[in-house]
Amino acid sequence: MNTEFITPKMELHELIEKNNRILLLMEHFGTGFTVADLTIEELCRLRDINPEIFACFCNLYNGNFQNFYEPKNADDISQMIVFLENAHRYYLDEIYPEIKFYIKKLSEINDTDDIKMVEKFFESYFSEVKKHLEYEQKKLFPMLRSMDLSVKGNSSKVRHGDIETKLADLKNLLLKHIRLVDKNGFKRRLLSAILEFQFDLNIHSMIEEKLLKIIK
């Protein structure tokens, strides 16, 4: 992974060429993808986004997990939560149906207990993910938005459970143990979707945990 440290003075088109996952980050921020020769700072000024937050999250997507930006006010927290809420929509509206589609296609050409097990495991797993996301939307995010940053000792926690561990289990099951007849690259695309979800979900969880740690 590219571990270049990103600053607000860097041009976005160059960063995207080095790491196309930054496109997903931009989607979570709702910035659009037409960046001309704009720097992070310039784009953020146009979109009313704190460039330090944007650059911090770019660094997470670039593999740099140090120097997490500490929110200074309610607007900083709100911007981080908007990012997380958009990530939720990505998981529910894009990742879930994509993975489900590839599993279904593989099950059509593999009438085996293994693929049925994968299908059952994934549906059970994503039911847990949906409950987790619903908790965040209804409980965690409203609580974060109401936090007074001047008051320490706020009581809060995030219930990640084992959704990251179970996703890794699904990935390892497909990579290490289950052989499937494949057509049109369905298993490759399934694994790619799972790995993309795993990458984004890990960063999602990291942002929440660091945000909670900062405001406690």
C-alpha atoms as a PDB file:
ATOM      1  CA  MET A   1       0.000   0.000   0.000  1.00  0.00           C
ATOM      2  CA  ASN A   2       1.091   3.558  -0.732  1.00  0.00           C
ATOM      3  CA  THR A   3       2.135   5.115   2.602  1.00  0.00           C
ATOM      4  CA  GLU A   4       2.939   8.621   1.373  1.00  0.00           C
ATOM      5  CA  PHE A   5       1.906  11.178   4.004  1.00  0.00           C
ATOM      6  CA  ILE A   6      -0.798  13.430   2.581  1.00  0.00           C
ATOM      7  CA  THR A   7      -1.154  17.147   3.320  1.00  0.00           C
ATOM      8  CA  PRO A   8      -3.868  19.658   2.312  1.00  0.00           C
ATOM      9  CA  LYS A   9      -1.490  21.270  -0.192  1.00  0.00           C
ATOM     10  CA  MET A  10      -1.371  18.184  -2.445  1.00  0.00           C
ATOM     11  CA  GLU A  11      -3.286  17.949  -5.716  1.00  0.00           C
ATOM     12  CA  LEU A  12      -6.112  15.433  -5.653  1.00  0.00           C
ATOM     13  CA  HIS A  13      -5.748  14.073  -9.169  1.00  0.00           C
ATOM     14  CA  GLU A  14      -2.175  12.997  -8.369  1.00  0.00           C
ATOM     15  CA  LEU A  15      -3.274  11.301  -5.152  1.00  0.00           C
ATOM     16  CA  ILE A  16      -6.075   9.433  -6.941  1.00  0.00           C
ATOM     17  CA  GLU A  17      -3.670   8.158  -9.591  1.00  0.00           C
ATOM     18  CA  LYS A  18      -1.450   6.731  -6.837  1.00  0.00           C
ATOM     19  CA  ASN A  19      -4.324   5.302  -4.785  1.00  0.00           C
ATOM     20  CA  ASN A  20      -7.739   4.966  -6.412  1.00  0.00           C
ATOM     21  CA  ARG A  21      -9.359   4.099  -3.078  1.00  0.00           C
ATOM     22  CA  ILE A  22      -9.367   7.840  -2.414  1.00  0.00           C
ATOM     23  CA  LEU A  23     -12.295   7.953  -4.856  1.00  0.00           C
ATOM     24  CA  LEU A  24     -14.336   6.005  -2.316  1.00  0.00           C
ATOM     25  CA  LEU A  25     -13.287   8.427   0.416  1.00  0.00           C
ATOM     26  CA  MET A  26     -14.411  11.330  -1.798  1.00  0.00           C
ATOM     27  CA  GLU A  27     -17.761   9.629  -2.342  1.00  0.00           C
ATOM     28  CA  HIS A  28     -18.197   9.317   1.424  1.00  0.00           C
ATOM     29  CA  PHE A  29     -17.539  13.066   1.707  1.00  0.00           C
ATOM     30  CA  GLY A  30     -19.894  13.798  -1.203  1.00  0.00           C
ATOM     31  CA  THR A  31     -17.375  15.943  -3.085  1.00  0.00           C
ATOM     32  CA  GLY A  32     -17.830  14.576  -6.602  1.00  0.00           C
ATOM     33  CA  PHE A  33     -14.886  13.384  -8.693  1.00  0.00           C
ATOM     34  CA  THR A  34     -14.110  16.264 -11.059  1.00  0.00           C
ATOM     35  CA  VAL A  35     -11.064  17.782  -9.390  1.00  0.00           C
ATOM     36  CA  ALA A  36      -9.173  19.612 -12.177  1.00  0.00           C
ATOM     37  CA  ASP A  37      -5.844  20.659 -10.604  1.00  0.00           C
ATOM     38  CA  LEU A  38      -7.358  21.425  -7.213  1.00  0.00           C
ATOM     39  CA  THR A  39      -5.482  20.722  -4.020  1.00  0.00           C
ATOM     40  CA  ILE A  40      -7.268  19.143  -1.073  1.00  0.00           C
ATOM     41  CA  GLU A  41      -7.401  22.576   0.543  1.00  0.00           C
ATOM     42  CA  GLU A  42      -8.971  24.185  -2.524  1.00  0.00           C
ATOM     43  CA  LEU A  43     -11.570  21.460  -3.029  1.00  0.00           C
ATOM     44  CA  CYS A  44     -12.499  21.513   0.646  1.00  0.00           C
ATOM     45  CA  ARG A  45     -12.931  25.288   0.557  1.00  0.00           C
ATOM     46  CA  LEU A  46     -15.446  24.832  -2.279  1.00  0.00           C
ATOM     47  CA  ARG A  47     -17.309  22.069  -0.415  1.00  0.00           C
ATOM     48  CA  ASP A  48     -17.220  23.546   3.111  1.00  0.00           C
ATOM     49  CA  ILE A  49     -15.128  20.661   4.443  1.00  0.00           C
ATOM     50  CA  ASN A  50     -12.314  21.001   6.945  1.00  0.00           C
ATOM     51  CA  PRO A  51      -9.182  20.210   4.855  1.00  0.00           C
ATOM     52  CA  GLU A  52      -7.390  18.811   7.907  1.00  0.00           C
ATOM     53  CA  ILE A  53     -10.150  16.224   8.360  1.00  0.00           C
ATOM     54  CA  PHE A  54     -10.117  15.371   4.657  1.00  0.00           C
ATOM     55  CA  ALA A  55      -6.321  14.998   4.608  1.00  0.00           C
ATOM     56  CA  CYS A  56      -6.426  12.914   7.807  1.00  0.00           C
ATOM     57  CA  PHE A  57      -8.911  10.497   6.245  1.00  0.00           C
ATOM     58  CA  CYS A  58      -6.858  10.391   3.030  1.00  0.00           C
ATOM     59  CA  ASN A  59      -3.924   9.270   5.150  1.00  0.00           C
ATOM     60  CA  LEU A  60      -6.034   6.481   6.648  1.00  0.00           C
ATOM     61  CA  TYR A  61      -6.868   5.287   3.126  1.00  0.00           C
ATOM     62  CA  ASN A  62      -3.165   5.583   2.302  1.00  0.00           C
ATOM     63  CA  GLY A  63      -2.082   3.382   5.213  1.00  0.00           C
ATOM     64  CA  ASN A  64      -0.923   6.172   7.546  1.00  0.00           C
ATOM     65  CA  PHE A  65      -2.687   5.709  10.865  1.00  0.00           C
ATOM     66  CA  GLN A  66      -0.768   8.221  12.973  1.00  0.00           C
ATOM     67  CA  ASN A  67      -1.606  11.854  13.764  1.00  0.00           C
ATOM     68  CA  PHE A  68      -5.385  11.486  13.745  1.00  0.00           C
ATOM     69  CA  TYR A  69      -7.051  14.894  13.548  1.00  0.00           C
ATOM     70  CA  GLU A  70      -8.778  15.858  16.798  1.00  0.00           C
ATOM     71  CA  PRO A  71     -12.123  17.607  16.220  1.00  0.00           C
ATOM     72  CA  LYS A  72     -12.138  21.153  17.540  1.00  0.00           C
ATOM     73  CA  ASN A  73     -15.841  21.910  17.440  1.00  0.00           C
ATOM     74  CA  ALA A  74     -19.305  20.544  16.677  1.00  0.00           C
ATOM     75  CA  ASP A  75     -18.884  21.225  12.953  1.00  0.00           C
ATOM     76  CA  ASP A  76     -15.782  18.988  12.833  1.00  0.00           C
ATOM     77  CA  ILE A  77     -17.722  16.171  14.494  1.00  0.00           C
ATOM     78  CA  SER A  78     -20.659  16.681  12.142  1.00  0.00           C
ATOM     79  CA  GLN A  79     -18.395  16.406   9.085  1.00  0.00           C
ATOM     80  CA  MET A  80     -16.905  13.158  10.373  1.00  0.00           C
ATOM     81  CA  ILE A  81     -20.374  11.749  11.035  1.00  0.00           C
ATOM     82  CA  VAL A  82     -21.603  12.703   7.543  1.00  0.00           C
ATOM     83  CA  PHE A  83     -18.645  10.726   6.181  1.00  0.00           C
ATOM     84  CA  LEU A  84     -19.594   7.708   8.322  1.00  0.00           C
ATOM     85  CA  GLU A  85     -23.284   7.964   7.389  1.00  0.00           C
ATOM     86  CA  ASN A  86     -22.417   7.979   3.686  1.00  0.00           C
ATOM     87  CA  ALA A  87     -20.258   4.914   4.280  1.00  0.00           C
ATOM     88  CA  HIS A  88     -23.328   3.213   5.772  1.00  0.00           C
ATOM     89  CA  ARG A  89     -25.273   3.885   2.578  1.00  0.00           C
ATOM     90  CA  TYR A  90     -22.401   2.428   0.555  1.00  0.00           C
ATOM     91  CA  TYR A  91     -22.448  -0.770   2.640  1.00  0.00           C
ATOM     92  CA  LEU A  92     -26.224  -1.183   2.448  1.00  0.00           C
ATOM     93  CA  ASP A  93     -26.959  -0.007  -1.104  1.00  0.00           C
ATOM     94  CA  GLU A  94     -23.862  -1.176  -2.966  1.00  0.00           C
ATOM     95  CA  ILE A  95     -21.680  -3.661  -1.090  1.00  0.00           C
ATOM     96  CA  TYR A  96     -24.469  -5.887   0.268  1.00  0.00           C
ATOM     97  CA  PRO A  97     -26.299  -6.388  -3.068  1.00  0.00           C
ATOM     98  CA  GLU A  98     -22.988  -6.786  -4.923  1.00  0.00           C
ATOM     99  CA  ILE A  99     -21.724  -9.579  -2.665  1.00  0.00           C
ATOM    100  CA  LYS A 100     -25.153 -11.206  -2.594  1.00  0.00           C
ATOM    101  CA  PHE A 101     -25.283 -11.142  -6.422  1.00  0.00           C
ATOM    102  CA  TYR A 102     -21.919 -12.891  -6.818  1.00  0.00           C
ATOM    103  CA  ILE A 103     -22.801 -15.549  -4.253  1.00  0.00           C
ATOM    104  CA  LYS A 104     -26.092 -16.170  -6.087  1.00  0.00           C
ATOM    105  CA  LYS A 105     -24.299 -16.492  -9.432  1.00  0.00           C
ATOM    106  CA  LEU A 106     -21.826 -18.964  -7.937  1.00  0.00           C
ATOM    107  CA  SER A 107     -24.657 -20.967  -6.361  1.00  0.00           C
ATOM    108  CA  GLU A 108     -26.308 -21.308  -9.783  1.00  0.00           C
ATOM    109  CA  ILE A 109     -23.300 -23.205 -11.118  1.00  0.00           C
ATOM    110  CA  ASN A 110     -22.286 -24.917  -7.863  1.00  0.00           C
ATOM    111  CA  ASP A 111     -25.069 -26.993  -6.317  1.00  0.00           C
ATOM    112  CA  THR A 112     -22.976 -27.851  -3.274  1.00  0.00           C
ATOM    113  CA  ASP A 113     -23.293 -27.693   0.489  1.00  0.00           C
ATOM    114  CA  ASP A 114     -20.276 -25.352   0.568  1.00  0.00           C
ATOM    115  CA  ILE A 115     -21.880 -22.551  -1.423  1.00  0.00           C
ATOM    116  CA  LYS A 116     -25.135 -22.976   0.485  1.00  0.00           C
ATOM    117  CA  MET A 117     -23.153 -22.571   3.688  1.00  0.00           C
ATOM    118  CA  VAL A 118     -21.507 -19.411   2.322  1.00  0.00           C
ATOM    119  CA  GLU A 119     -24.892 -17.997   1.349  1.00  0.00           C
ATOM    120  CA  LYS A 120     -26.374 -18.724   4.775  1.00  0.00           C
ATOM    121  CA  PHE A 121     -23.296 -17.366   6.573  1.00  0.00           C
ATOM    122  CA  PHE A 122     -23.353 -14.131   4.595  1.00  0.00           C
ATOM    123  CA  GLU A 123     -27.053 -13.463   5.151  1.00  0.00           C
ATOM    124  CA  SER A 124     -26.669 -14.092   8.879  1.00  0.00           C
ATOM    125  CA  TYR A 125     -23.561 -11.935   8.976  1.00  0.00           C
ATOM    126  CA  PHE A 126     -25.096  -9.005   7.151  1.00  0.00           C
ATOM    127  CA  SER A 127     -28.170  -9.130   9.367  1.00  0.00           C
ATOM    128  CA  GLU A 128     -25.749  -8.436  12.209  1.00  0.00           C
ATOM    129  CA  VAL A 129     -24.107  -5.642  10.221  1.00  0.00           C
ATOM    130  CA  LYS A 130     -27.488  -3.994   9.625  1.00  0.00           C
ATOM    131  CA  LYS A 131     -28.260  -4.065  13.353  1.00  0.00           C
ATOM    132  CA  HIS A 132     -24.875  -2.512  14.064  1.00  0.00           C
ATOM    133  CA  LEU A 133     -25.408   0.262  11.535  1.00  0.00           C
ATOM    134  CA  GLU A 134     -28.914   0.916  12.849  1.00  0.00           C
ATOM    135  CA  TYR A 135     -27.509   1.294  16.376  1.00  0.00           C
ATOM    136  CA  GLU A 136     -24.993   3.839  15.111  1.00  0.00           C
ATOM    137  CA  GLN A 137     -27.619   5.814  13.195  1.00  0.00           C
ATOM    138  CA  LYS A 138     -30.160   5.905  16.011  1.00  0.00           C
ATOM    139  CA  LYS A 139     -27.941   6.011  19.101  1.00  0.00           C
ATOM    140  CA  LEU A 140     -24.246   6.630  18.480  1.00  0.00           C
ATOM    141  CA  PHE A 141     -24.304   9.437  15.928  1.00  0.00           C
ATOM    142  CA  PRO A 142     -26.970  11.553  17.699  1.00  0.00           C
ATOM    143  CA  MET A 143     -24.992  11.129  20.922  1.00  0.00           C
ATOM    144  CA  LEU A 144     -21.764  12.227  19.216  1.00  0.00           C
ATOM    145  CA  ARG A 145     -23.452  15.252  17.676  1.00  0.00           C
ATOM    146  CA  SER A 146     -24.656  16.350  21.110  1.00  0.00           C
ATOM    147  CA  MET A 147     -21.243  16.019  22.777  1.00  0.00           C
ATOM    148  CA  ASP A 148     -19.762  19.057  24.459  1.00  0.00           C
ATOM    149  CA  LEU A 149     -16.056  18.967  23.567  1.00  0.00           C
ATOM    150  CA  SER A 150     -15.234  21.126  26.563  1.00  0.00           C
ATOM    151  CA  VAL A 151     -16.523  18.450  28.944  1.00  0.00           C
ATOM    152  CA  LYS A 152     -14.317  15.432  29.577  1.00  0.00           C
ATOM    153  CA  GLY A 153     -15.528  12.095  30.814  1.00  0.00           C
ATOM    154  CA  ASN A 154     -18.479  11.682  28.465  1.00  0.00           C
ATOM    155  CA  SER A 155     -19.808   8.159  28.795  1.00  0.00           C
ATOM    156  CA  SER A 156     -19.979   6.442  25.423  1.00  0.00           C
ATOM    157  CA  LYS A 157     -19.022   3.311  23.587  1.00  0.00           C
ATOM    158  CA  VAL A 158     -19.347   1.822  20.142  1.00  0.00           C
ATOM    159  CA  ARG A 159     -20.674  -1.710  19.761  1.00  0.00           C
ATOM    160  CA  HIS A 160     -18.579  -3.151  16.988  1.00  0.00           C
ATOM    161  CA  GLY A 161     -19.133  -6.712  18.146  1.00  0.00           C
ATOM    162  CA  ASP A 162     -17.356  -9.154  15.884  1.00  0.00           C
ATOM    163  CA  ILE A 163     -18.523  -7.967  12.474  1.00  0.00           C
ATOM    164  CA  GLU A 164     -14.954  -7.360  11.328  1.00  0.00           C
ATOM    165  CA  THR A 165     -13.821 -10.784  12.540  1.00  0.00           C
ATOM    166  CA  LYS A 166     -16.719 -12.567  10.835  1.00  0.00           C
ATOM    167  CA  LEU A 167     -16.036 -10.775   7.564  1.00  0.00           C
ATOM    168  CA  ALA A 168     -12.414 -11.963   7.752  1.00  0.00           C
ATOM    169  CA  ASP A 169     -13.739 -15.484   8.412  1.00  0.00           C
ATOM    170  CA  LEU A 170     -15.846 -15.327   5.246  1.00  0.00           C
ATOM    171  CA  LYS A 171     -12.891 -14.099   3.204  1.00  0.00           C
ATOM    172  CA  ASN A 172     -10.605 -16.834   4.556  1.00  0.00           C
ATOM    173  CA  LEU A 173     -13.239 -19.492   3.970  1.00  0.00           C
ATOM    174  CA  LEU A 174     -13.404 -18.580   0.287  1.00  0.00           C
ATOM    175  CA  LEU A 175      -9.651 -18.085  -0.117  1.00  0.00           C
ATOM    176  CA  LYS A 176      -8.388 -21.123   1.737  1.00  0.00           C
ATOM    177  CA  HIS A 177     -11.010 -23.840   1.793  1.00  0.00           C
ATOM    178  CA  ILE A 178     -13.851 -23.687  -0.711  1.00  0.00           C
ATOM    179  CA  ARG A 179     -13.289 -24.770  -4.304  1.00  0.00           C
ATOM    180  CA  LEU A 180     -15.928 -23.599  -6.761  1.00  0.00           C
ATOM    181  CA  VAL A 181     -16.593 -23.989 -10.443  1.00  0.00           C
ATOM    182  CA  ASP A 182     -16.394 -20.423 -11.723  1.00  0.00           C
ATOM    183  CA  LYS A 183     -17.567 -18.603 -14.838  1.00  0.00           C
ATOM    184  CA  ASN A 184     -17.095 -14.947 -15.760  1.00  0.00           C
ATOM    185  CA  GLY A 185     -14.767 -14.334 -12.811  1.00  0.00           C
ATOM    186  CA  PHE A 186     -17.537 -14.403 -10.228  1.00  0.00           C
ATOM    187  CA  LYS A 187     -15.359 -15.706  -7.402  1.00  0.00           C
ATOM    188  CA  ARG A 188     -12.645 -13.137  -8.127  1.00  0.00           C
ATOM    189  CA  ARG A 189     -15.233 -10.351  -8.139  1.00  0.00           C
ATOM    190  CA  LEU A 190     -16.791 -11.722  -4.954  1.00  0.00           C
ATOM    191  CA  LEU A 191     -13.429 -11.733  -3.187  1.00  0.00           C
ATOM    192  CA  SER A 192     -12.627  -8.259  -4.500  1.00  0.00           C
ATOM    193  CA  ALA A 193     -15.924  -6.932  -3.120  1.00  0.00           C
ATOM    194  CA  ILE A 194     -15.304  -8.583   0.255  1.00  0.00           C
ATOM    195  CA  LEU A 195     -11.772  -7.190   0.443  1.00  0.00           C
ATOM    196  CA  GLU A 196     -13.019  -3.700  -0.482  1.00  0.00           C
ATOM    197  CA  PHE A 197     -15.676  -3.942   2.232  1.00  0.00           C
ATOM    198  CA  GLN A 198     -13.135  -5.207   4.758  1.00  0.00           C
ATOM    199  CA  PHE A 199     -10.751  -2.339   3.989  1.00  0.00           C
ATOM    200  CA  ASP A 200     -13.415   0.357   4.258  1.00  0.00           C
ATOM    201  CA  LEU A 201     -15.079  -1.171   7.326  1.00  0.00           C
ATOM    202  CA  ASN A 202     -11.750  -1.282   9.193  1.00  0.00           C
ATOM    203  CA  ILE A 203     -11.216   2.435   8.560  1.00  0.00           C
ATOM    204  CA  HIS A 204     -14.830   3.165   9.466  1.00  0.00           C
ATOM    205  CA  SER A 205     -14.356   1.447  12.825  1.00  0.00           C
ATOM    206  CA  MET A 206     -11.022   3.179  13.414  1.00  0.00           C
ATOM    207  CA  ILE A 207     -12.576   6.616  12.873  1.00  0.00           C
ATOM    208  CA  GLU A 208     -15.381   5.862  15.327  1.00  0.00           C
ATOM    209  CA  GLU A 209     -13.043   4.482  17.971  1.00  0.00           C
ATOM    210  CA  LYS A 210     -10.610   7.409  17.725  1.00  0.00           C
ATOM    211  CA  LEU A 211     -13.460   9.913  17.746  1.00  0.00           C
ATOM    212  CA  LEU A 212     -14.920   8.362  20.878  1.00  0.00           C
ATOM    213  CA  LYS A 213     -11.533   8.221  22.563  1.00  0.00           C
ATOM    214  CA  ILE A 214     -10.886  11.899  21.829  1.00  0.00           C
ATOM    215  CA  ILE A 215     -14.176  13.209  23.165  1.00  0.00           C
ATOM    216  CA  LYS A 216     -14.268  11.097  26.328  1.00  0.00           C
END
